[in-house]
N, C-alpha and C. Protein backbone atom coordinates (compact mmCIF):
# COMPACT_ATOMS: atom_id res chain seq x y z
N MET A 1 15.46 -46.62 -23.89
CA MET A 1 15.77 -47.11 -25.20
C MET A 1 14.63 -47.97 -25.72
N LEU A 2 14.29 -47.78 -26.92
CA LEU A 2 13.18 -48.52 -27.54
C LEU A 2 13.69 -49.88 -28.11
N ARG A 3 12.93 -50.95 -27.86
CA ARG A 3 13.32 -52.27 -28.38
C ARG A 3 12.09 -52.97 -28.92
N ILE A 4 12.34 -53.82 -29.96
CA ILE A 4 11.18 -54.57 -30.55
C ILE A 4 11.43 -56.07 -30.26
N VAL A 5 10.38 -56.70 -29.74
CA VAL A 5 10.45 -58.18 -29.43
C VAL A 5 9.07 -58.73 -29.75
N ARG A 6 9.03 -60.11 -29.82
CA ARG A 6 7.78 -60.81 -30.03
C ARG A 6 6.90 -60.62 -28.78
N TYR A 7 5.63 -60.46 -28.97
CA TYR A 7 4.68 -60.26 -27.91
C TYR A 7 4.22 -61.64 -27.45
N GLY A 8 4.87 -62.14 -26.38
CA GLY A 8 4.47 -63.42 -25.82
C GLY A 8 4.66 -64.55 -26.84
N ASN A 9 3.74 -65.55 -26.91
CA ASN A 9 3.81 -66.64 -27.89
C ASN A 9 2.79 -66.35 -28.98
N SER A 10 2.80 -65.22 -29.54
CA SER A 10 1.81 -64.84 -30.59
C SER A 10 2.58 -64.39 -31.84
N ARG A 11 1.83 -64.07 -32.88
CA ARG A 11 2.41 -63.59 -34.10
C ARG A 11 2.60 -62.07 -34.13
N PHE A 12 2.33 -61.41 -32.94
CA PHE A 12 2.40 -59.93 -32.87
C PHE A 12 3.77 -59.48 -32.41
N TRP A 13 4.06 -58.21 -32.67
CA TRP A 13 5.32 -57.62 -32.25
C TRP A 13 5.02 -56.47 -31.28
N ALA A 14 5.90 -56.39 -30.25
CA ALA A 14 5.72 -55.39 -29.17
C ALA A 14 6.90 -54.45 -29.21
N LEU A 15 6.62 -53.21 -28.91
CA LEU A 15 7.66 -52.14 -28.80
C LEU A 15 7.70 -51.74 -27.33
N TYR A 16 8.86 -51.88 -26.70
CA TYR A 16 9.05 -51.55 -25.29
C TYR A 16 9.97 -50.33 -25.15
N ASP A 17 9.65 -49.48 -24.19
CA ASP A 17 10.52 -48.37 -23.83
C ASP A 17 11.03 -48.73 -22.39
N GLY A 18 12.20 -49.33 -22.33
CA GLY A 18 12.69 -49.89 -21.03
C GLY A 18 11.83 -51.04 -20.61
N GLU A 19 11.12 -50.92 -19.53
CA GLU A 19 10.22 -51.99 -19.06
C GLU A 19 8.79 -51.69 -19.44
N ASP A 20 8.51 -50.55 -19.98
CA ASP A 20 7.13 -50.14 -20.34
C ASP A 20 6.78 -50.57 -21.75
N LEU A 21 5.59 -51.19 -21.89
CA LEU A 21 5.04 -51.58 -23.19
C LEU A 21 4.48 -50.33 -23.85
N VAL A 22 4.96 -50.02 -25.10
CA VAL A 22 4.49 -48.81 -25.79
C VAL A 22 3.35 -49.19 -26.72
N VAL A 23 3.62 -50.23 -27.62
CA VAL A 23 2.64 -50.59 -28.61
C VAL A 23 2.81 -52.02 -29.02
N VAL A 24 1.69 -52.64 -29.45
CA VAL A 24 1.72 -54.01 -30.06
C VAL A 24 1.22 -53.89 -31.47
N THR A 25 2.00 -54.44 -32.43
CA THR A 25 1.61 -54.35 -33.85
C THR A 25 1.52 -55.77 -34.44
N VAL A 26 0.86 -55.85 -35.62
CA VAL A 26 0.72 -57.12 -36.26
C VAL A 26 1.98 -57.47 -37.01
N TYR A 27 2.61 -56.47 -37.63
CA TYR A 27 3.80 -56.71 -38.41
C TYR A 27 5.02 -56.04 -37.74
N LYS A 28 6.21 -56.70 -37.99
CA LYS A 28 7.46 -56.11 -37.48
C LYS A 28 7.77 -54.80 -38.10
N ARG A 29 7.39 -54.71 -39.42
CA ARG A 29 7.61 -53.47 -40.14
C ARG A 29 6.86 -52.32 -39.48
N GLY A 30 5.69 -52.53 -39.02
CA GLY A 30 4.85 -51.51 -38.32
C GLY A 30 5.52 -51.10 -37.01
N ALA A 31 6.10 -52.07 -36.30
CA ALA A 31 6.81 -51.76 -35.01
C ALA A 31 7.96 -50.89 -35.30
N ARG A 32 8.75 -51.19 -36.42
CA ARG A 32 9.90 -50.38 -36.74
C ARG A 32 9.43 -48.97 -37.08
N GLU A 33 8.37 -48.80 -37.79
CA GLU A 33 7.88 -47.47 -38.15
C GLU A 33 7.47 -46.63 -36.92
N VAL A 34 6.82 -47.31 -35.96
CA VAL A 34 6.45 -46.65 -34.73
C VAL A 34 7.72 -46.25 -33.98
N GLN A 35 8.72 -47.13 -33.99
CA GLN A 35 9.99 -46.87 -33.30
C GLN A 35 10.66 -45.66 -33.95
N ARG A 36 10.64 -45.57 -35.31
CA ARG A 36 11.25 -44.44 -36.00
C ARG A 36 10.55 -43.12 -35.62
N ARG A 37 9.23 -43.16 -35.62
CA ARG A 37 8.48 -41.93 -35.32
C ARG A 37 8.66 -41.51 -33.90
N LEU A 38 8.75 -42.48 -32.97
CA LEU A 38 8.95 -42.09 -31.60
C LEU A 38 10.36 -41.50 -31.36
N ALA A 39 11.31 -42.03 -32.14
CA ALA A 39 12.68 -41.50 -32.02
C ALA A 39 12.76 -40.03 -32.51
N ALA A 40 11.95 -39.67 -33.47
CA ALA A 40 11.91 -38.30 -33.99
C ALA A 40 11.07 -37.41 -33.08
N GLN A 41 10.34 -37.98 -32.12
CA GLN A 41 9.46 -37.23 -31.27
C GLN A 41 10.15 -36.26 -30.32
N PRO A 42 11.37 -36.51 -29.80
CA PRO A 42 11.97 -35.56 -28.84
C PRO A 42 12.10 -34.13 -29.36
N LEU A 43 12.15 -33.93 -30.66
CA LEU A 43 12.16 -32.59 -31.22
C LEU A 43 10.85 -31.89 -30.83
N ALA A 44 9.76 -32.57 -30.98
CA ALA A 44 8.47 -31.96 -30.58
C ALA A 44 8.41 -31.85 -29.05
N GLY A 45 9.10 -32.78 -28.35
CA GLY A 45 9.09 -32.63 -26.91
C GLY A 45 9.86 -31.39 -26.47
N ALA A 46 10.99 -31.10 -27.17
CA ALA A 46 11.72 -29.89 -26.88
C ALA A 46 10.89 -28.62 -27.15
N GLU A 47 10.13 -28.67 -28.24
CA GLU A 47 9.23 -27.56 -28.50
C GLU A 47 8.20 -27.39 -27.44
N ALA A 48 7.66 -28.50 -27.01
CA ALA A 48 6.65 -28.50 -25.88
C ALA A 48 7.27 -27.95 -24.61
N ALA A 49 8.51 -28.34 -24.30
CA ALA A 49 9.17 -27.85 -23.13
C ALA A 49 9.40 -26.36 -23.20
N ALA A 50 9.81 -25.88 -24.41
CA ALA A 50 9.96 -24.44 -24.61
C ALA A 50 8.65 -23.70 -24.43
N GLN A 51 7.60 -24.28 -24.95
CA GLN A 51 6.27 -23.65 -24.82
C GLN A 51 5.84 -23.61 -23.38
N ALA A 52 6.12 -24.72 -22.63
CA ALA A 52 5.75 -24.77 -21.22
C ALA A 52 6.54 -23.71 -20.42
N ALA A 53 7.87 -23.58 -20.76
CA ALA A 53 8.66 -22.56 -20.11
C ALA A 53 8.08 -21.17 -20.40
N ALA A 54 7.63 -20.95 -21.62
CA ALA A 54 7.08 -19.62 -21.96
C ALA A 54 5.77 -19.34 -21.19
N VAL A 55 4.97 -20.42 -21.03
CA VAL A 55 3.76 -20.29 -20.24
C VAL A 55 4.05 -19.95 -18.79
N ASP A 56 5.08 -20.64 -18.26
CA ASP A 56 5.46 -20.39 -16.84
C ASP A 56 5.94 -18.93 -16.66
N ALA A 57 6.78 -18.50 -17.65
CA ALA A 57 7.25 -17.15 -17.56
C ALA A 57 6.09 -16.14 -17.63
N ALA A 58 5.11 -16.41 -18.47
CA ALA A 58 3.96 -15.51 -18.61
C ALA A 58 3.19 -15.53 -17.31
N ALA A 59 3.05 -16.69 -16.69
CA ALA A 59 2.34 -16.76 -15.40
C ALA A 59 3.04 -16.00 -14.33
N ARG A 60 4.39 -16.09 -14.25
CA ARG A 60 5.15 -15.30 -13.27
C ARG A 60 5.01 -13.80 -13.52
N GLN A 61 5.03 -13.40 -14.79
CA GLN A 61 4.86 -11.99 -15.12
C GLN A 61 3.50 -11.48 -14.74
N ALA A 62 2.49 -12.34 -14.96
CA ALA A 62 1.10 -11.95 -14.53
C ALA A 62 1.00 -11.77 -13.04
N GLN A 63 1.67 -12.67 -12.28
CA GLN A 63 1.67 -12.52 -10.83
C GLN A 63 2.39 -11.26 -10.36
N ALA A 64 3.49 -10.95 -11.05
CA ALA A 64 4.21 -9.72 -10.68
C ALA A 64 3.36 -8.48 -10.98
N LEU A 65 2.66 -8.50 -12.11
CA LEU A 65 1.81 -7.41 -12.48
C LEU A 65 0.61 -7.25 -11.49
N ALA A 66 0.10 -8.40 -11.07
CA ALA A 66 -0.99 -8.37 -10.07
C ALA A 66 -0.48 -7.77 -8.75
N ALA A 67 0.73 -8.14 -8.36
CA ALA A 67 1.29 -7.58 -7.15
C ALA A 67 1.48 -6.04 -7.26
N GLN A 68 1.95 -5.61 -8.44
CA GLN A 68 2.13 -4.16 -8.66
C GLN A 68 0.76 -3.45 -8.59
N ALA A 69 -0.23 -4.07 -9.18
CA ALA A 69 -1.60 -3.48 -9.21
C ALA A 69 -2.11 -3.35 -7.74
N ARG A 70 -1.89 -4.39 -6.91
CA ARG A 70 -2.32 -4.31 -5.52
C ARG A 70 -1.61 -3.21 -4.78
N THR A 71 -0.29 -3.06 -5.04
CA THR A 71 0.46 -2.00 -4.39
C THR A 71 -0.05 -0.61 -4.84
N LEU A 72 -0.36 -0.44 -6.14
CA LEU A 72 -0.84 0.82 -6.59
C LEU A 72 -2.26 1.11 -6.00
N ALA A 73 -3.06 0.06 -5.86
CA ALA A 73 -4.39 0.26 -5.28
C ALA A 73 -4.29 0.69 -3.84
N ARG A 74 -3.33 0.09 -3.07
CA ARG A 74 -3.13 0.49 -1.68
C ARG A 74 -2.67 1.95 -1.61
N GLN A 75 -1.74 2.34 -2.49
CA GLN A 75 -1.29 3.70 -2.50
C GLN A 75 -2.39 4.68 -2.85
N ALA A 76 -3.26 4.29 -3.79
CA ALA A 76 -4.39 5.13 -4.17
C ALA A 76 -5.34 5.29 -3.01
N GLN A 77 -5.58 4.21 -2.26
CA GLN A 77 -6.43 4.30 -1.11
C GLN A 77 -5.86 5.20 -0.03
N ALA A 78 -4.56 5.12 0.20
CA ALA A 78 -3.94 5.99 1.15
C ALA A 78 -4.03 7.48 0.75
N VAL A 79 -3.82 7.74 -0.53
CA VAL A 79 -3.95 9.14 -1.03
C VAL A 79 -5.39 9.64 -0.88
N ALA A 80 -6.35 8.79 -1.22
CA ALA A 80 -7.74 9.20 -1.09
C ALA A 80 -8.10 9.45 0.38
N GLN A 81 -7.58 8.61 1.28
CA GLN A 81 -7.87 8.76 2.70
C GLN A 81 -7.31 10.08 3.20
N ALA A 82 -6.03 10.39 2.77
CA ALA A 82 -5.43 11.64 3.14
C ALA A 82 -6.18 12.85 2.62
N ALA A 83 -6.71 12.75 1.39
CA ALA A 83 -7.47 13.83 0.84
C ALA A 83 -8.81 14.05 1.59
N ARG A 84 -9.43 12.90 2.00
CA ARG A 84 -10.65 13.04 2.79
C ARG A 84 -10.37 13.67 4.13
N ALA A 85 -9.19 13.32 4.74
CA ALA A 85 -8.87 13.89 6.02
C ALA A 85 -8.64 15.39 5.92
N ARG A 86 -7.92 15.78 4.82
CA ARG A 86 -7.68 17.21 4.58
C ARG A 86 -9.02 17.98 4.39
N ALA A 87 -9.91 17.38 3.61
CA ALA A 87 -11.18 18.01 3.36
C ALA A 87 -11.98 18.14 4.67
N GLN A 88 -11.94 17.13 5.51
CA GLN A 88 -12.64 17.18 6.78
C GLN A 88 -12.05 18.28 7.67
N ARG A 89 -10.70 18.36 7.72
CA ARG A 89 -10.07 19.44 8.51
C ARG A 89 -10.52 20.80 8.01
N GLU A 90 -10.61 20.94 6.71
CA GLU A 90 -11.02 22.25 6.13
C GLU A 90 -12.50 22.54 6.50
N ARG A 91 -13.32 21.51 6.50
CA ARG A 91 -14.71 21.69 6.90
C ARG A 91 -14.78 22.19 8.38
N TYR A 92 -14.02 21.47 9.25
CA TYR A 92 -13.99 21.90 10.64
C TYR A 92 -13.48 23.30 10.80
N ARG A 93 -12.44 23.70 10.05
CA ARG A 93 -11.90 25.03 10.13
C ARG A 93 -12.97 26.02 9.71
N ALA A 94 -13.71 25.72 8.59
CA ALA A 94 -14.72 26.63 8.11
C ALA A 94 -15.80 26.75 9.13
N ALA A 95 -16.20 25.60 9.77
CA ALA A 95 -17.28 25.67 10.76
C ALA A 95 -16.85 26.51 11.97
N ALA A 96 -15.58 26.48 12.32
CA ALA A 96 -15.11 27.28 13.45
C ALA A 96 -14.82 28.69 13.09
N GLY A 97 -14.94 29.02 11.82
CA GLY A 97 -14.68 30.40 11.36
C GLY A 97 -13.19 30.70 11.22
N LEU A 98 -12.35 29.65 11.13
CA LEU A 98 -10.92 29.91 10.98
C LEU A 98 -10.60 30.00 9.50
N PRO A 99 -9.51 30.69 9.20
CA PRO A 99 -9.16 30.80 7.73
C PRO A 99 -8.71 29.42 7.20
N ALA A 100 -8.81 29.24 5.92
CA ALA A 100 -8.41 27.97 5.28
C ALA A 100 -6.91 27.78 5.47
N ALA A 101 -6.50 26.51 5.40
CA ALA A 101 -5.10 26.19 5.66
C ALA A 101 -4.19 26.85 4.63
N GLY A 102 -4.59 26.98 3.41
CA GLY A 102 -3.76 27.59 2.36
C GLY A 102 -3.89 29.07 2.23
N ALA A 103 -4.75 29.69 3.09
CA ALA A 103 -5.00 31.13 2.95
C ALA A 103 -3.78 31.89 3.41
N PRO A 104 -3.57 33.05 2.81
CA PRO A 104 -2.34 33.82 3.24
C PRO A 104 -2.60 34.34 4.63
N ARG A 105 -1.50 34.31 5.41
CA ARG A 105 -1.62 34.73 6.81
C ARG A 105 -0.92 36.08 6.97
N ARG A 106 -1.29 36.73 8.04
CA ARG A 106 -0.57 37.98 8.36
C ARG A 106 0.83 37.61 8.80
N HIS A 107 1.79 38.33 8.30
CA HIS A 107 3.17 38.05 8.65
C HIS A 107 3.56 38.84 9.87
N HIS A 108 3.83 38.15 10.90
CA HIS A 108 4.34 38.70 12.12
C HIS A 108 5.78 38.25 12.34
N ARG A 109 6.51 39.09 12.98
CA ARG A 109 7.81 38.65 13.32
C ARG A 109 7.73 37.70 14.45
N THR A 110 8.23 36.46 14.26
CA THR A 110 8.14 35.53 15.36
C THR A 110 9.34 35.68 16.25
N PRO A 111 9.12 35.72 17.55
CA PRO A 111 10.24 35.93 18.48
C PRO A 111 11.09 34.65 18.59
N PRO A 112 12.34 34.83 18.87
CA PRO A 112 13.18 33.68 19.09
C PRO A 112 12.77 32.97 20.37
N PRO A 113 13.05 31.70 20.50
CA PRO A 113 12.55 30.99 21.69
C PRO A 113 13.10 31.51 23.00
N THR A 114 14.25 32.15 23.01
CA THR A 114 14.82 32.64 24.24
C THR A 114 14.43 34.08 24.54
N ALA A 115 13.51 34.65 23.75
CA ALA A 115 13.17 36.05 23.91
C ALA A 115 12.50 36.32 25.30
N ARG A 116 12.87 37.39 25.89
CA ARG A 116 12.19 37.89 27.06
C ARG A 116 11.56 39.21 26.60
N ARG A 117 11.32 40.07 27.52
CA ARG A 117 10.82 41.38 27.13
C ARG A 117 11.95 42.17 26.50
N SER A 118 11.69 42.64 25.34
CA SER A 118 12.71 43.47 24.64
C SER A 118 12.02 44.48 23.76
N ARG A 119 12.77 45.36 23.22
CA ARG A 119 12.21 46.36 22.31
C ARG A 119 11.66 45.70 21.06
N ALA A 120 12.36 44.67 20.52
CA ALA A 120 11.94 44.03 19.30
C ALA A 120 10.61 43.24 19.52
N PHE A 121 10.48 42.65 20.67
CA PHE A 121 9.29 41.82 20.92
C PHE A 121 8.67 42.21 22.25
N PRO A 122 8.00 43.37 22.32
CA PRO A 122 7.53 43.81 23.61
C PRO A 122 6.37 42.93 24.15
N ARG A 123 5.65 42.25 23.30
CA ARG A 123 4.45 41.50 23.77
C ARG A 123 4.82 40.12 24.32
N VAL A 124 6.03 39.68 24.15
CA VAL A 124 6.40 38.32 24.55
C VAL A 124 6.51 38.28 26.06
N ARG A 125 5.85 37.35 26.66
CA ARG A 125 5.95 37.16 28.13
C ARG A 125 6.48 35.73 28.35
N GLN A 126 7.22 35.63 29.39
CA GLN A 126 7.86 34.34 29.65
C GLN A 126 6.79 33.34 30.08
N GLY A 127 6.83 32.16 29.45
CA GLY A 127 5.94 31.07 29.80
C GLY A 127 4.51 31.18 29.27
N VAL A 128 4.13 32.21 28.54
CA VAL A 128 2.81 32.32 27.97
C VAL A 128 2.87 32.15 26.50
N ARG A 129 2.18 31.22 25.92
CA ARG A 129 2.10 30.96 24.50
C ARG A 129 0.65 30.92 24.09
N HIS A 130 0.35 31.60 23.04
CA HIS A 130 -1.03 31.58 22.52
C HIS A 130 -0.97 31.05 21.11
N SER A 131 -1.82 30.06 20.83
CA SER A 131 -1.88 29.52 19.49
C SER A 131 -2.75 30.44 18.66
N PRO A 132 -2.60 30.41 17.31
CA PRO A 132 -3.47 31.27 16.51
C PRO A 132 -4.96 30.97 16.69
N ARG A 133 -5.25 29.69 17.00
CA ARG A 133 -6.67 29.32 17.15
C ARG A 133 -7.23 30.02 18.45
N SER A 134 -6.46 29.97 19.51
CA SER A 134 -6.98 30.55 20.78
C SER A 134 -7.13 32.03 20.61
N ARG A 135 -6.21 32.69 19.94
CA ARG A 135 -6.33 34.14 19.70
C ARG A 135 -7.56 34.43 18.87
N HIS A 136 -7.80 33.60 17.82
CA HIS A 136 -8.95 33.80 17.00
C HIS A 136 -10.23 33.67 17.80
N LEU A 137 -10.30 32.64 18.64
CA LEU A 137 -11.49 32.41 19.46
C LEU A 137 -11.68 33.57 20.43
N GLN A 138 -10.57 34.09 21.01
CA GLN A 138 -10.72 35.21 21.95
C GLN A 138 -11.28 36.42 21.20
N GLN A 139 -10.82 36.64 19.99
CA GLN A 139 -11.32 37.84 19.27
C GLN A 139 -12.75 37.64 18.82
N SER A 140 -13.09 36.43 18.35
CA SER A 140 -14.45 36.20 17.84
C SER A 140 -15.47 36.18 18.97
N LEU A 141 -15.07 35.73 20.18
CA LEU A 141 -16.01 35.63 21.30
C LEU A 141 -16.02 36.90 22.14
N GLY A 142 -15.10 37.84 21.85
CA GLY A 142 -15.06 39.05 22.62
C GLY A 142 -14.43 38.90 23.99
N ALA A 143 -13.51 37.94 24.11
CA ALA A 143 -12.87 37.73 25.40
C ALA A 143 -11.87 38.83 25.60
N PRO A 144 -11.66 39.20 26.86
CA PRO A 144 -10.66 40.28 27.12
C PRO A 144 -9.25 39.77 26.74
N ALA A 145 -8.50 40.63 26.10
CA ALA A 145 -7.15 40.33 25.68
C ALA A 145 -6.26 40.25 26.92
N GLY A 146 -5.22 39.46 26.79
CA GLY A 146 -4.24 39.40 27.89
C GLY A 146 -4.52 38.22 28.80
N LYS A 147 -4.14 38.33 30.04
CA LYS A 147 -4.22 37.21 30.96
C LYS A 147 -5.67 36.84 31.24
N GLY A 148 -5.99 35.59 31.25
CA GLY A 148 -7.37 35.15 31.48
C GLY A 148 -8.02 34.76 30.19
N GLY A 149 -8.13 35.66 29.25
CA GLY A 149 -8.70 35.43 27.95
C GLY A 149 -9.93 34.56 27.94
N LEU A 150 -9.84 33.39 27.36
CA LEU A 150 -11.00 32.48 27.27
C LEU A 150 -11.42 31.93 28.66
N ARG A 151 -10.45 31.84 29.56
CA ARG A 151 -10.83 31.34 30.88
C ARG A 151 -11.79 32.28 31.58
N ALA A 152 -11.66 33.59 31.29
CA ALA A 152 -12.55 34.59 31.92
C ALA A 152 -13.98 34.34 31.38
N LEU A 153 -14.13 33.93 30.07
CA LEU A 153 -15.42 33.71 29.49
C LEU A 153 -16.04 32.39 29.93
N PHE A 154 -15.15 31.34 30.04
CA PHE A 154 -15.69 29.99 30.30
C PHE A 154 -15.01 29.42 31.55
N PRO A 155 -15.25 29.89 32.74
CA PRO A 155 -14.59 29.41 33.92
C PRO A 155 -14.95 27.94 34.18
N GLN A 156 -16.20 27.57 33.92
CA GLN A 156 -16.63 26.19 34.15
C GLN A 156 -15.89 25.24 33.26
N ALA A 157 -15.79 25.53 31.99
CA ALA A 157 -15.09 24.68 31.02
C ALA A 157 -13.62 24.53 31.38
N THR A 158 -13.01 25.64 31.90
CA THR A 158 -11.63 25.61 32.25
C THR A 158 -11.41 24.64 33.42
N CYS A 159 -12.31 24.66 34.38
CA CYS A 159 -12.19 23.79 35.54
C CYS A 159 -12.33 22.31 35.10
N VAL A 160 -13.22 22.06 34.19
CA VAL A 160 -13.41 20.68 33.68
C VAL A 160 -12.15 20.25 32.94
N ALA A 161 -11.59 21.09 32.08
CA ALA A 161 -10.40 20.77 31.33
C ALA A 161 -9.21 20.56 32.28
N LEU A 162 -9.09 21.38 33.28
CA LEU A 162 -8.00 21.18 34.28
C LEU A 162 -8.18 19.90 34.98
N ALA A 163 -9.37 19.53 35.40
CA ALA A 163 -9.63 18.28 36.06
C ALA A 163 -9.28 17.10 35.19
N ARG A 164 -9.60 17.18 33.95
CA ARG A 164 -9.23 16.12 33.00
C ARG A 164 -7.71 15.94 32.87
N ARG A 165 -7.04 17.05 32.79
CA ARG A 165 -5.54 17.01 32.69
C ARG A 165 -4.95 16.37 33.94
N ARG A 166 -5.47 16.77 35.09
CA ARG A 166 -4.94 16.22 36.36
C ARG A 166 -5.25 14.76 36.44
N ALA A 167 -6.38 14.32 35.94
CA ALA A 167 -6.78 12.89 35.97
C ALA A 167 -5.85 12.06 35.05
N ARG A 168 -5.46 12.63 33.88
CA ARG A 168 -4.58 11.92 33.00
C ARG A 168 -3.20 11.80 33.59
N LYS A 169 -2.71 12.84 34.23
CA LYS A 169 -1.36 12.79 34.83
C LYS A 169 -1.31 11.92 36.02
N GLY A 170 -2.30 11.92 36.82
CA GLY A 170 -2.30 11.22 38.13
C GLY A 170 -2.75 9.85 37.96
């Protein structure tokens, strides 16, 4: 609450806000005018508070947008990395002479997992599985078809690979 009193033992007037000295004036009429203007001030204070709230809201919105931008940047990096990995796989496939991943493949009837020798799948043998890559390598290197295949061409490499497998297991 604003109050007007004499300033000490002088001819001046003081305006206090509680215990705090606000202003010292020469005339009492000047102190009253200052008191009137300060009483009208809270309207401007409310406007300032509203403006401060708007600034805070804008700052929070900017932080949220920055977080979204960081998330989108991470997603873009992940997509770019996946694209680079796909391109590298395609380069390796091309270097090995394998068909591209999206290239049409020959359609073979795939045997059911429980198939043994039957009329529908005469080539299926129990326990023998050949990947398309190993078949392609056998054909391109001229390895004999059937049992042995690449092992017949590279006995040394087969021994090394088997030794590595045994070392991993043991």
